[in-house]
């Protein structure tokens, strides 16, 4: 039931897109969610500005999930997402934001979890 929208200010090649998708599938388990239900959106060439600037690569991860997870799990996932941005896209962690959104209502395949 998690959804990760990964936005990057730079282009994402098909090879890097596959790397990111695979890495996000592994990372989501850090908050106790299975990759089986993970949906991912990867957007590139986004007009992102950090501190009024966009001269360096920037990334934003928007993570939505059913219910919640412990804060320590969010911290681990935040670290992992920053590592993914750095290792795959060359985005320094100081130019990465991660937002978590929890919901009690999530539909799938015609029913509610």
C-alpha atoms as a PDB file:
ATOM      1  CA  UNK A   1       0.000   0.000   0.000  1.00  0.00           C
ATOM      2  CA  UNK A   2       2.901   2.403  -0.114  1.00  0.00           C
ATOM      3  CA  UNK A   3       3.389   4.857  -2.962  1.00  0.00           C
ATOM      4  CA  UNK A   4       6.642   6.687  -3.614  1.00  0.00           C
ATOM      5  CA  UNK A   5       6.781   9.630  -5.968  1.00  0.00           C
ATOM      6  CA  UNK A   6      10.435  10.352  -6.706  1.00  0.00           C
ATOM      7  CA  UNK A   7      11.122  13.693  -8.379  1.00  0.00           C
ATOM      8  CA  UNK A   8      14.499  14.706  -9.763  1.00  0.00           C
ATOM      9  CA  UNK A   9      15.625  18.000 -11.265  1.00  0.00           C
ATOM     10  CA  UNK A  10      17.864  16.185 -13.733  1.00  0.00           C
ATOM     11  CA  UNK A  11      17.177  13.653 -16.518  1.00  0.00           C
ATOM     12  CA  UNK A  12      16.692  10.003 -15.546  1.00  0.00           C
ATOM     13  CA  UNK A  13      17.872   7.492 -18.147  1.00  0.00           C
ATOM     14  CA  UNK A  14      15.934   4.235 -18.588  1.00  0.00           C
ATOM     15  CA  UNK A  15      18.805   2.384 -16.899  1.00  0.00           C
ATOM     16  CA  UNK A  16      18.796   4.719 -13.903  1.00  0.00           C
ATOM     17  CA  UNK A  17      14.993   4.496 -13.727  1.00  0.00           C
ATOM     18  CA  UNK A  18      15.275   0.732 -13.367  1.00  0.00           C
ATOM     19  CA  UNK A  19      17.976   1.132 -10.700  1.00  0.00           C
ATOM     20  CA  UNK A  20      15.838   3.609  -8.760  1.00  0.00           C
ATOM     21  CA  UNK A  21      12.726   1.418  -8.991  1.00  0.00           C
ATOM     22  CA  UNK A  22      14.655  -1.606  -7.763  1.00  0.00           C
ATOM     23  CA  UNK A  23      16.313   0.335  -4.932  1.00  0.00           C
ATOM     24  CA  UNK A  24      12.959   1.778  -3.793  1.00  0.00           C
ATOM     25  CA  UNK A  25      11.497  -1.728  -3.727  1.00  0.00           C
ATOM     26  CA  UNK A  26      14.239  -2.810  -1.351  1.00  0.00           C
ATOM     27  CA  UNK A  27      14.080   0.390   0.708  1.00  0.00           C
ATOM     28  CA  UNK A  28      10.354   0.221   1.470  1.00  0.00           C
ATOM     29  CA  UNK A  29      10.913  -2.884   3.582  1.00  0.00           C
ATOM     30  CA  UNK A  30      12.708  -0.637   6.116  1.00  0.00           C
ATOM     31  CA  UNK A  31       9.295   0.579   7.280  1.00  0.00           C
ATOM     32  CA  UNK A  32       7.787  -2.897   7.293  1.00  0.00           C
ATOM     33  CA  UNK A  33       5.933  -2.585   3.983  1.00  0.00           C
ATOM     34  CA  UNK A  34       6.236  -5.217   1.250  1.00  0.00           C
ATOM     35  CA  UNK A  35       7.482  -4.368  -2.229  1.00  0.00           C
ATOM     36  CA  UNK A  36       4.586  -6.432  -3.605  1.00  0.00           C
ATOM     37  CA  UNK A  37       2.186  -3.526  -3.008  1.00  0.00           C
ATOM     38  CA  UNK A  38       4.609  -0.683  -3.704  1.00  0.00           C
ATOM     39  CA  UNK A  39       3.691   1.714  -6.508  1.00  0.00           C
ATOM     40  CA  UNK A  40       6.418   4.034  -7.759  1.00  0.00           C
ATOM     41  CA  UNK A  41       6.352   7.136  -9.912  1.00  0.00           C
ATOM     42  CA  UNK A  42       9.636   8.572 -11.152  1.00  0.00           C
ATOM     43  CA  UNK A  43       9.632  12.084 -12.574  1.00  0.00           C
ATOM     44  CA  UNK A  44      12.674  13.694 -14.120  1.00  0.00           C
ATOM     45  CA  UNK A  45      13.548  17.174 -15.322  1.00  0.00           C
ATOM     46  CA  UNK A  46      11.333  18.664 -12.591  1.00  0.00           C
ATOM     47  CA  UNK A  47      11.648  22.372 -11.928  1.00  0.00           C
ATOM     48  CA  UNK A  48      12.819  22.034  -8.347  1.00  0.00           C
ATOM     49  CA  UNK A  49      14.394  24.859  -6.382  1.00  0.00           C
ATOM     50  CA  UNK A  50      16.047  24.502  -2.995  1.00  0.00           C
ATOM     51  CA  UNK A  51      16.748  27.685  -1.066  1.00  0.00           C
ATOM     52  CA  UNK A  52      15.820  29.643  -4.167  1.00  0.00           C
ATOM     53  CA  UNK A  53      18.493  27.908  -6.246  1.00  0.00           C
ATOM     54  CA  UNK A  54      18.536  25.120  -8.796  1.00  0.00           C
ATOM     55  CA  UNK A  55      22.177  25.103  -9.856  1.00  0.00           C
ATOM     56  CA  UNK A  56      22.769  21.657  -8.293  1.00  0.00           C
ATOM     57  CA  UNK A  57      20.789  18.413  -8.692  1.00  0.00           C
ATOM     58  CA  UNK A  58      17.746  18.236  -6.389  1.00  0.00           C
ATOM     59  CA  UNK A  59      15.450  15.360  -5.385  1.00  0.00           C
ATOM     60  CA  UNK A  60      12.133  15.079  -3.577  1.00  0.00           C
ATOM     61  CA  UNK A  61      10.594  11.834  -2.333  1.00  0.00           C
ATOM     62  CA  UNK A  62       6.913  11.826  -1.397  1.00  0.00           C
ATOM     63  CA  UNK A  63       6.092   8.621   0.505  1.00  0.00           C
ATOM     64  CA  UNK A  64       2.444   7.743   1.175  1.00  0.00           C
ATOM     65  CA  UNK A  65       1.449   4.701   3.171  1.00  0.00           C
ATOM     66  CA  UNK A  66      -1.436   2.978   4.867  1.00  0.00           C
ATOM     67  CA  UNK A  67      -1.377   3.611   8.617  1.00  0.00           C
ATOM     68  CA  UNK A  68       1.987   4.528  10.095  1.00  0.00           C
ATOM     69  CA  UNK A  69       5.421   3.255  10.997  1.00  0.00           C
ATOM     70  CA  UNK A  70       7.724   3.989  13.928  1.00  0.00           C
ATOM     71  CA  UNK A  71       9.763   7.192  13.671  1.00  0.00           C
ATOM     72  CA  UNK A  72      12.993   5.179  13.706  1.00  0.00           C
ATOM     73  CA  UNK A  73      11.796   3.373  10.562  1.00  0.00           C
ATOM     74  CA  UNK A  74      11.104   6.706   8.876  1.00  0.00           C
ATOM     75  CA  UNK A  75      14.617   7.823   9.785  1.00  0.00           C
ATOM     76  CA  UNK A  76      16.121   4.661   8.259  1.00  0.00           C
ATOM     77  CA  UNK A  77      14.073   5.089   5.092  1.00  0.00           C
ATOM     78  CA  UNK A  78      15.012   8.766   4.838  1.00  0.00           C
ATOM     79  CA  UNK A  79      18.707   7.821   5.026  1.00  0.00           C
ATOM     80  CA  UNK A  80      18.220   5.130   2.386  1.00  0.00           C
ATOM     81  CA  UNK A  81      16.343   7.475   0.033  1.00  0.00           C
ATOM     82  CA  UNK A  82      19.118  10.056   0.373  1.00  0.00           C
ATOM     83  CA  UNK A  83      21.656   7.307  -0.397  1.00  0.00           C
ATOM     84  CA  UNK A  84      19.653   6.286  -3.484  1.00  0.00           C
ATOM     85  CA  UNK A  85      19.553   9.891  -4.686  1.00  0.00           C
ATOM     86  CA  UNK A  86      23.320  10.237  -4.169  1.00  0.00           C
ATOM     87  CA  UNK A  87      24.442   6.859  -5.476  1.00  0.00           C
ATOM     88  CA  UNK A  88      22.218   6.693  -8.557  1.00  0.00           C
ATOM     89  CA  UNK A  89      21.507  10.323  -9.431  1.00  0.00           C
ATOM     90  CA  UNK A  90      24.423  12.220  -7.872  1.00  0.00           C
ATOM     91  CA  UNK A  91      22.149  14.327  -5.656  1.00  0.00           C
ATOM     92  CA  UNK A  92      23.763  15.368  -2.383  1.00  0.00           C
ATOM     93  CA  UNK A  93      21.655  14.638   0.715  1.00  0.00           C
ATOM     94  CA  UNK A  94      21.605  18.349   1.524  1.00  0.00           C
ATOM     95  CA  UNK A  95      19.471  18.773  -1.624  1.00  0.00           C
ATOM     96  CA  UNK A  96      16.947  16.043  -0.817  1.00  0.00           C
ATOM     97  CA  UNK A  97      13.602  16.339   0.965  1.00  0.00           C
ATOM     98  CA  UNK A  98      11.540  13.346   2.047  1.00  0.00           C
ATOM     99  CA  UNK A  99       7.885  13.715   2.989  1.00  0.00           C
ATOM    100  CA  UNK A 100       5.811  11.026   4.664  1.00  0.00           C
ATOM    101  CA  UNK A 101       2.037  10.967   4.508  1.00  0.00           C
ATOM    102  CA  UNK A 102      -0.006   8.450   6.459  1.00  0.00           C
ATOM    103  CA  UNK A 103      -3.589   7.535   5.667  1.00  0.00           C
ATOM    104  CA  UNK A 104      -6.188   5.308   7.284  1.00  0.00           C
ATOM    105  CA  UNK A 105      -8.126   4.868   4.030  1.00  0.00           C
ATOM    106  CA  UNK A 106      -6.526   3.091   1.108  1.00  0.00           C
ATOM    107  CA  UNK A 107      -8.386   1.334  -1.690  1.00  0.00           C
ATOM    108  CA  UNK A 108      -7.093  -1.448  -3.910  1.00  0.00           C
ATOM    109  CA  UNK A 109      -8.657  -3.828  -6.399  1.00  0.00           C
ATOM    110  CA  UNK A 110     -12.204  -2.724  -5.596  1.00  0.00           C
ATOM    111  CA  UNK A 111     -11.992  -2.860  -1.801  1.00  0.00           C
ATOM    112  CA  UNK A 112     -10.623  -0.906   1.135  1.00  0.00           C
ATOM    113  CA  UNK A 113      -7.763  -2.151   3.288  1.00  0.00           C
END
